[in-house]
Amino acid sequence: MILHSIPPVYDSSSRILLLGSFPSVRSREDQFFYAHPQNRFWRVLAAVFSQPVPVSKDEKLALLSYGRIALWDVVAECDIQGSQDSSIRDVKANDLTDIFRTCAIEKIYVNGRTAEKLYQKHMLPLTNRPAYYLPSTSPANASISFEGLVTAWSCLCNYK
């Protein structure tokens, strides 16, 4: 079993909760979300909010704050092979109580189909709040272009 060791990012101004599945090997090594240089997450968010692409952790935190985004993952602990979402087994879900207690979350989004499936199975029964699918920013999702991702993710601007 691998434990999720990256704390959630949120503050009282967060209005969107964005959930991934589980951190990649690179993200676990760097101890921050979407650390693999080929993951398009940070470039997509920057484009959606017309901001510079963040490089440092502080710049990434500032972009999340600017977008009023709380960021975490569905899975707290699991068995996983490398970074492959398809290999995730024996899931224990993260507890969202503190985020909901601190933030007036208006909408929950999930980054990709695996996060969506895991949210439906492990979190929806607890939160009773739907999560809305956004196409994965993973480099493994080659079926959608960068421009397509930006278009799909532009719904996040509604909470700015």
Protein backbone atom coordinates (compact mmCIF):
# COMPACT_ATOMS: atom_id res chain seq x y z
CA MET A 1 0.00 0.00 0.00
CA ILE A 2 1.21 3.47 -0.85
CA LEU A 3 0.06 6.39 1.29
CA HIS A 4 -0.81 9.77 -0.27
CA SER A 5 1.60 12.13 1.45
CA ILE A 6 0.81 15.44 -0.28
CA PRO A 7 -1.50 17.65 1.77
CA PRO A 8 -4.53 19.24 0.11
CA VAL A 9 -4.36 22.83 -1.10
CA TYR A 10 -7.28 25.04 -0.07
CA ASP A 11 -8.24 28.16 1.83
CA SER A 12 -11.44 29.91 2.83
CA SER A 13 -11.73 31.57 -0.60
CA SER A 14 -11.76 28.24 -2.50
CA ARG A 15 -14.99 27.72 -4.43
CA ILE A 16 -14.00 24.80 -6.70
CA LEU A 17 -12.77 21.44 -5.49
CA LEU A 18 -10.64 19.75 -8.13
CA LEU A 19 -9.78 16.11 -7.51
CA GLY A 20 -7.30 13.88 -9.27
CA SER A 21 -6.98 10.16 -8.69
CA PHE A 22 -3.59 9.58 -6.98
CA PRO A 23 -0.22 11.34 -7.38
CA SER A 24 2.22 10.07 -9.98
CA VAL A 25 5.63 8.75 -8.94
CA ARG A 26 7.15 12.12 -9.89
CA SER A 27 4.58 14.05 -7.85
CA ARG A 28 5.17 11.79 -4.85
CA GLU A 29 8.93 12.40 -5.18
CA ASP A 30 8.48 16.18 -5.52
CA GLN A 31 5.73 16.27 -2.88
CA PHE A 32 3.43 18.40 -5.02
CA PHE A 33 0.66 17.86 -7.51
CA TYR A 34 1.17 17.30 -11.25
CA ALA A 35 4.96 17.43 -11.11
CA HIS A 36 5.62 15.39 -14.25
CA PRO A 37 6.78 17.91 -16.87
CA GLN A 38 4.61 16.34 -19.57
CA ASN A 39 1.41 16.60 -17.55
CA ARG A 40 -0.53 19.53 -19.01
CA PHE A 41 -2.34 20.46 -15.77
CA TRP A 42 -0.43 23.66 -14.93
CA ARG A 43 -0.31 24.85 -18.55
CA VAL A 44 -4.05 24.27 -18.94
CA LEU A 45 -4.90 26.15 -15.72
CA ALA A 46 -2.63 29.03 -16.72
CA ALA A 47 -4.32 29.27 -20.13
CA VAL A 48 -7.82 29.05 -18.63
CA PHE A 49 -7.10 31.96 -16.29
CA SER A 50 -4.87 33.91 -18.75
CA GLN A 51 -1.97 33.73 -16.31
CA PRO A 52 1.71 32.85 -16.78
CA VAL A 53 2.54 29.15 -16.56
CA PRO A 54 3.71 28.56 -12.98
CA VAL A 55 7.09 26.94 -12.40
CA SER A 56 7.73 27.06 -8.66
CA LYS A 57 5.49 25.61 -5.99
CA ASP A 58 4.70 29.14 -4.77
CA GLU A 59 3.63 30.16 -8.29
CA LYS A 60 1.42 27.08 -8.52
CA LEU A 61 -0.16 27.85 -5.16
CA ALA A 62 -0.77 31.43 -6.31
CA LEU A 63 -2.48 30.20 -9.50
CA LEU A 64 -4.76 27.90 -7.49
CA SER A 65 -5.61 30.77 -5.16
CA TYR A 66 -6.27 33.07 -8.13
CA GLY A 67 -8.68 30.50 -9.56
CA ARG A 68 -10.27 29.87 -6.14
CA ILE A 69 -9.39 26.20 -6.52
CA ALA A 70 -8.99 23.63 -3.77
CA LEU A 71 -6.85 20.75 -5.03
CA TRP A 72 -6.49 17.19 -3.81
CA ASP A 73 -6.99 13.59 -4.89
CA VAL A 74 -9.72 11.02 -4.36
CA VAL A 75 -7.36 8.31 -3.11
CA ALA A 76 -5.63 8.47 0.27
CA GLU A 77 -4.01 5.05 0.08
CA CYS A 78 -3.87 2.27 -2.49
CA ASP A 79 -1.86 -0.33 -4.31
CA ILE A 80 -0.57 1.10 -7.58
CA GLN A 81 1.99 0.09 -10.21
CA GLY A 82 4.18 3.14 -10.86
CA SER A 83 1.90 5.96 -12.00
CA GLN A 84 -0.68 3.89 -13.85
CA ASP A 85 -4.21 4.83 -12.81
CA SER A 86 -5.47 1.60 -14.35
CA SER A 87 -3.53 -0.38 -11.74
CA ILE A 88 -5.06 1.33 -8.68
CA ARG A 89 -6.45 -1.29 -6.27
CA ASP A 90 -7.54 -1.53 -2.61
CA VAL A 91 -8.56 2.11 -2.37
CA LYS A 92 -9.00 4.10 0.80
CA ALA A 93 -10.51 7.50 0.00
CA ASN A 94 -9.39 10.87 1.33
CA ASP A 95 -11.63 12.58 3.87
CA LEU A 96 -13.00 15.87 2.49
CA THR A 97 -14.56 17.03 5.75
CA ASP A 98 -12.00 19.76 6.52
CA ILE A 99 -12.21 21.16 3.00
CA PHE A 100 -16.01 21.37 3.15
CA ARG A 101 -15.83 22.84 6.64
CA THR A 102 -13.35 25.56 5.58
CA CYS A 103 -14.52 26.37 2.05
CA ALA A 104 -17.84 27.25 0.46
CA ILE A 105 -17.30 24.74 -2.34
CA GLU A 106 -19.78 25.40 -5.13
CA LYS A 107 -18.77 22.61 -7.49
CA ILE A 108 -16.57 19.52 -7.53
CA TYR A 109 -14.63 18.54 -10.64
CA VAL A 110 -12.54 15.46 -11.33
CA ASN A 111 -9.46 15.29 -13.55
CA GLY A 112 -10.06 12.27 -15.77
CA ARG A 113 -12.16 9.12 -15.93
CA THR A 114 -10.30 7.23 -13.21
CA ALA A 115 -10.83 10.06 -10.72
CA GLU A 116 -14.47 10.18 -11.78
CA LYS A 117 -14.95 6.43 -11.30
CA LEU A 118 -13.18 6.45 -7.93
CA TYR A 119 -15.14 9.49 -6.75
CA GLN A 120 -18.44 7.84 -7.71
CA LYS A 121 -17.57 4.66 -5.84
CA HIS A 122 -15.77 5.95 -2.74
CA MET A 123 -16.78 9.59 -2.15
CA LEU A 124 -20.23 10.27 -3.58
CA PRO A 125 -21.93 8.05 -0.99
CA LEU A 126 -20.25 10.16 1.73
CA THR A 127 -20.54 13.64 0.23
CA ASN A 128 -23.86 13.23 -1.56
CA ARG A 129 -22.50 15.85 -3.98
CA PRO A 130 -21.93 15.13 -7.67
CA ALA A 131 -18.54 15.61 -9.29
CA TYR A 132 -18.23 16.82 -12.86
CA TYR A 133 -15.82 15.24 -15.30
CA LEU A 134 -12.98 17.16 -16.94
CA PRO A 135 -10.77 15.39 -19.49
CA SER A 136 -7.48 14.21 -18.03
CA THR A 137 -4.43 16.44 -18.37
CA SER A 138 -2.20 13.36 -18.23
CA PRO A 139 0.21 12.82 -21.13
CA ALA A 140 -1.42 9.38 -21.43
CA ASN A 141 -4.58 11.14 -22.66
CA ALA A 142 -3.36 11.84 -26.18
CA SER A 143 -6.91 11.80 -27.57
CA ILE A 144 -7.49 15.45 -26.68
CA SER A 145 -5.35 18.39 -27.74
CA PHE A 146 -4.07 21.11 -25.46
CA GLU A 147 -6.62 23.50 -27.03
CA GLY A 148 -9.37 20.95 -26.40
CA LEU A 149 -8.36 20.71 -22.76
CA VAL A 150 -8.39 24.49 -22.37
CA THR A 151 -11.87 24.65 -23.90
CA ALA A 152 -13.19 21.89 -21.63
CA TRP A 153 -11.55 23.31 -18.51
CA SER A 154 -12.69 26.88 -19.18
CA CYS A 155 -15.78 26.19 -17.02
CA LEU A 156 -13.49 26.83 -14.04
CA CYS A 157 -13.60 30.55 -14.85
CA ASN A 158 -17.21 30.69 -13.65
CA TYR A 159 -16.03 30.75 -10.02
CA LYS A 160 -13.37 33.45 -10.26
